Amino acid sequence: MFGIGMPELIIILVIILIIFGAGKLPEIGAGVGKAIRNFKGATKEPEKEEPEKIKKEEKKPIEPS
């Protein structure tokens, strides 16, 4: 069906190299790496927050109505 093989990847990389130049490629790579790290951190945060919320709710005193 649709797949990206090695020849297509090479063509894409050559086009990126022509557009941005060799000097900008390390900056682009660093930016992509930071974005991936931030995304991974954002997906893991809710798991860490839930136990803290449960502990806070347990510590709240029950007020009589």
C-alpha atoms as a PDB file:
ATOM      1  CA  MET A   1       0.000   0.000   0.000  1.00  0.00           C
ATOM      2  CA  PHE A   2       1.791   3.158   1.190  1.00  0.00           C
ATOM      3  CA  GLY A   3       5.203   2.973   2.742  1.00  0.00           C
ATOM      4  CA  ILE A   4       8.321   5.035   2.977  1.00  0.00           C
ATOM      5  CA  GLY A   5      11.420   3.113   2.013  1.00  0.00           C
ATOM      6  CA  MET A   6      15.085   4.021   2.105  1.00  0.00           C
ATOM      7  CA  PRO A   7      15.145   5.802  -1.305  1.00  0.00           C
ATOM      8  CA  GLU A   8      12.230   8.026  -0.305  1.00  0.00           C
ATOM      9  CA  LEU A   9      13.870   8.895   3.029  1.00  0.00           C
ATOM     10  CA  ILE A  10      17.107   9.838   1.272  1.00  0.00           C
ATOM     11  CA  ILE A  11      15.243  12.101  -1.142  1.00  0.00           C
ATOM     12  CA  ILE A  12      13.383  13.766   1.741  1.00  0.00           C
ATOM     13  CA  LEU A  13      16.639  14.313   3.657  1.00  0.00           C
ATOM     14  CA  VAL A  14      18.324  15.819   0.581  1.00  0.00           C
ATOM     15  CA  ILE A  15      15.404  18.224   0.096  1.00  0.00           C
ATOM     16  CA  ILE A  16      15.561  19.220   3.788  1.00  0.00           C
ATOM     17  CA  LEU A  17      19.318  19.756   3.464  1.00  0.00           C
ATOM     18  CA  ILE A  18      18.800  21.994   0.418  1.00  0.00           C
ATOM     19  CA  ILE A  19      16.040  24.024   2.093  1.00  0.00           C
ATOM     20  CA  PHE A  20      17.606  24.552   5.522  1.00  0.00           C
ATOM     21  CA  GLY A  21      21.307  24.130   4.825  1.00  0.00           C
ATOM     22  CA  ALA A  22      23.890  22.095   6.716  1.00  0.00           C
ATOM     23  CA  GLY A  23      24.282  24.704   9.478  1.00  0.00           C
ATOM     24  CA  LYS A  24      20.645  24.565  10.596  1.00  0.00           C
ATOM     25  CA  LEU A  25      20.310  20.772  10.715  1.00  0.00           C
ATOM     26  CA  PRO A  26      21.807  20.360  14.234  1.00  0.00           C
ATOM     27  CA  GLU A  27      19.462  23.060  15.555  1.00  0.00           C
ATOM     28  CA  ILE A  28      16.473  21.371  13.948  1.00  0.00           C
ATOM     29  CA  GLY A  29      17.523  18.005  15.373  1.00  0.00           C
ATOM     30  CA  ALA A  30      17.911  19.472  18.862  1.00  0.00           C
ATOM     31  CA  GLY A  31      14.475  21.079  18.612  1.00  0.00           C
ATOM     32  CA  VAL A  32      12.866  17.819  17.545  1.00  0.00           C
ATOM     33  CA  GLY A  33      14.603  15.997  20.401  1.00  0.00           C
ATOM     34  CA  LYS A  34      13.330  18.523  22.956  1.00  0.00           C
ATOM     35  CA  ALA A  35       9.829  18.257  21.537  1.00  0.00           C
ATOM     36  CA  ILE A  36       9.877  14.474  21.855  1.00  0.00           C
ATOM     37  CA  ARG A  37      11.155  14.690  25.442  1.00  0.00           C
ATOM     38  CA  ASN A  38       8.431  17.207  26.350  1.00  0.00           C
ATOM     39  CA  PHE A  39       5.785  15.001  24.760  1.00  0.00           C
ATOM     40  CA  LYS A  40       6.978  11.944  26.705  1.00  0.00           C
ATOM     41  CA  GLY A  41       7.001  13.979  29.915  1.00  0.00           C
ATOM     42  CA  ALA A  42       3.507  15.276  29.277  1.00  0.00           C
ATOM     43  CA  THR A  43       2.148  11.778  28.734  1.00  0.00           C
ATOM     44  CA  LYS A  44       3.675  10.559  32.021  1.00  0.00           C
ATOM     45  CA  GLU A  45       2.548  13.503  34.218  1.00  0.00           C
ATOM     46  CA  PRO A  46      -1.097  12.454  34.810  1.00  0.00           C
ATOM     47  CA  GLU A  47       0.025   9.107  36.212  1.00  0.00           C
ATOM     48  CA  LYS A  48       2.179  10.889  38.799  1.00  0.00           C
ATOM     49  CA  GLU A  49      -0.476  13.439  39.754  1.00  0.00           C
ATOM     50  CA  GLU A  50      -3.323  11.024  40.443  1.00  0.00           C
ATOM     51  CA  PRO A  51      -1.857   9.417  43.606  1.00  0.00           C
ATOM     52  CA  GLU A  52      -1.094  12.887  44.984  1.00  0.00           C
ATOM     53  CA  LYS A  53      -4.696  13.981  44.449  1.00  0.00           C
ATOM     54  CA  ILE A  54      -5.973  10.862  46.197  1.00  0.00           C
ATOM     55  CA  LYS A  55      -3.686  11.500  49.183  1.00  0.00           C
ATOM     56  CA  LYS A  56      -4.856  15.121  49.425  1.00  0.00           C
ATOM     57  CA  GLU A  57      -8.503  14.063  49.319  1.00  0.00           C
ATOM     58  CA  GLU A  58      -7.927  11.508  52.092  1.00  0.00           C
ATOM     59  CA  LYS A  59      -6.351  14.155  54.354  1.00  0.00           C
ATOM     60  CA  LYS A  60      -9.298  16.563  54.064  1.00  0.00           C
ATOM     61  CA  PRO A  61     -11.462  16.533  57.194  1.00  0.00           C
ATOM     62  CA  ILE A  62     -15.087  15.718  56.672  1.00  0.00           C
ATOM     63  CA  GLU A  63     -17.251  18.686  57.589  1.00  0.00           C
ATOM     64  CA  PRO A  64     -20.647  17.948  59.146  1.00  0.00           C
ATOM     65  CA  SER A  65     -23.619  19.208  57.179  1.00  0.00           C
END
